[in-house]
Amino acid sequence: MLLDIVIILAMTIPMLLFSVYPGLKLGDYLEKKYKIDETTKRRVIIITTVIFTISLSSLLYYL
């Protein structure tokens, strides 16, 4: 169990290259649509990137 978590977290580092783009696009969309400020936009980008990275790493590990 612990080894699985360590492997998934190790796989997240290369996955950051692939998951920054969706976070940027979501942040831009929310900024245009809802007029959010820069601080909230950065939070959305970081949270989206982390969630997408961990999800992608988990899917690749378990498939």
C-alpha atoms as a PDB file:
ATOM      1  CA  MET A   1       0.000   0.000   0.000  1.00  0.00           C
ATOM      2  CA  LEU A   2       2.692   2.472   1.006  1.00  0.00           C
ATOM      3  CA  LEU A   3       4.854   1.408  -1.919  1.00  0.00           C
ATOM      4  CA  ASP A   4       1.973   2.072  -4.311  1.00  0.00           C
ATOM      5  CA  ILE A   5       1.566   5.596  -2.965  1.00  0.00           C
ATOM      6  CA  VAL A   6       5.302   6.271  -3.236  1.00  0.00           C
ATOM      7  CA  ILE A   7       5.384   5.036  -6.834  1.00  0.00           C
ATOM      8  CA  ILE A   8       2.352   7.162  -7.770  1.00  0.00           C
ATOM      9  CA  LEU A   9       3.899  10.246  -6.179  1.00  0.00           C
ATOM     10  CA  ALA A  10       7.192   9.564  -7.965  1.00  0.00           C
ATOM     11  CA  MET A  11       5.308   9.344 -11.262  1.00  0.00           C
ATOM     12  CA  THR A  12       3.677  12.727 -10.642  1.00  0.00           C
ATOM     13  CA  ILE A  13       6.929  14.604 -11.221  1.00  0.00           C
ATOM     14  CA  PRO A  14       7.187  13.797 -14.955  1.00  0.00           C
ATOM     15  CA  MET A  15       3.402  14.139 -15.293  1.00  0.00           C
ATOM     16  CA  LEU A  16       3.647  17.802 -14.296  1.00  0.00           C
ATOM     17  CA  LEU A  17       4.880  18.509 -17.831  1.00  0.00           C
ATOM     18  CA  PHE A  18       1.624  17.206 -19.281  1.00  0.00           C
ATOM     19  CA  SER A  19      -0.805  18.593 -16.739  1.00  0.00           C
ATOM     20  CA  VAL A  20       0.110  22.273 -16.602  1.00  0.00           C
ATOM     21  CA  TYR A  21      -1.714  23.066 -19.849  1.00  0.00           C
ATOM     22  CA  PRO A  22      -5.235  22.070 -18.650  1.00  0.00           C
ATOM     23  CA  GLY A  23      -4.725  24.107 -15.489  1.00  0.00           C
ATOM     24  CA  LEU A  24      -3.698  27.169 -17.480  1.00  0.00           C
ATOM     25  CA  LYS A  25      -6.658  26.830 -19.823  1.00  0.00           C
ATOM     26  CA  LEU A  26      -9.113  26.436 -16.931  1.00  0.00           C
ATOM     27  CA  GLY A  27      -7.630  29.474 -15.183  1.00  0.00           C
ATOM     28  CA  ASP A  28      -7.926  31.585 -18.343  1.00  0.00           C
ATOM     29  CA  TYR A  29     -11.495  30.430 -18.917  1.00  0.00           C
ATOM     30  CA  LEU A  30     -12.580  31.247 -15.369  1.00  0.00           C
ATOM     31  CA  GLU A  31     -10.848  34.625 -15.540  1.00  0.00           C
ATOM     32  CA  LYS A  32     -12.708  35.587 -18.717  1.00  0.00           C
ATOM     33  CA  LYS A  33     -16.076  34.089 -17.745  1.00  0.00           C
ATOM     34  CA  TYR A  34     -16.316  35.035 -14.057  1.00  0.00           C
ATOM     35  CA  LYS A  35     -13.777  37.913 -13.820  1.00  0.00           C
ATOM     36  CA  ILE A  36     -11.752  36.280 -11.037  1.00  0.00           C
ATOM     37  CA  ASP A  37      -8.678  38.049  -9.704  1.00  0.00           C
ATOM     38  CA  GLU A  38      -5.077  36.951 -10.290  1.00  0.00           C
ATOM     39  CA  THR A  39      -4.648  35.299  -6.877  1.00  0.00           C
ATOM     40  CA  THR A  40      -7.706  33.107  -7.349  1.00  0.00           C
ATOM     41  CA  LYS A  41      -6.615  32.292 -10.894  1.00  0.00           C
ATOM     42  CA  ARG A  42      -3.233  31.083  -9.643  1.00  0.00           C
ATOM     43  CA  ARG A  43      -4.898  28.950  -6.970  1.00  0.00           C
ATOM     44  CA  VAL A  44      -7.171  27.370  -9.585  1.00  0.00           C
ATOM     45  CA  ILE A  45      -4.189  26.637 -11.834  1.00  0.00           C
ATOM     46  CA  ILE A  46      -2.167  25.016  -9.045  1.00  0.00           C
ATOM     47  CA  ILE A  47      -5.064  22.958  -7.654  1.00  0.00           C
ATOM     48  CA  THR A  48      -6.126  21.786 -11.122  1.00  0.00           C
ATOM     49  CA  THR A  49      -2.561  20.844 -12.006  1.00  0.00           C
ATOM     50  CA  VAL A  50      -2.046  18.839  -8.817  1.00  0.00           C
ATOM     51  CA  ILE A  51      -5.373  17.013  -9.089  1.00  0.00           C
ATOM     52  CA  PHE A  52      -4.866  16.250 -12.787  1.00  0.00           C
ATOM     53  CA  THR A  53      -1.297  15.062 -12.164  1.00  0.00           C
ATOM     54  CA  ILE A  54      -2.233  12.682  -9.358  1.00  0.00           C
ATOM     55  CA  SER A  55      -5.234  11.387 -11.328  1.00  0.00           C
ATOM     56  CA  LEU A  56      -3.154  10.764 -14.432  1.00  0.00           C
ATOM     57  CA  SER A  57      -0.395   9.033 -12.462  1.00  0.00           C
ATOM     58  CA  SER A  58      -2.919   6.837 -10.664  1.00  0.00           C
ATOM     59  CA  LEU A  59      -4.591   5.839 -13.906  1.00  0.00           C
ATOM     60  CA  LEU A  60      -1.270   4.973 -15.517  1.00  0.00           C
ATOM     61  CA  TYR A  61      -0.157   2.976 -12.496  1.00  0.00           C
ATOM     62  CA  TYR A  62      -3.326   0.929 -12.097  1.00  0.00           C
ATOM     63  CA  LEU A  63      -3.992   0.264 -15.783  1.00  0.00           C
END
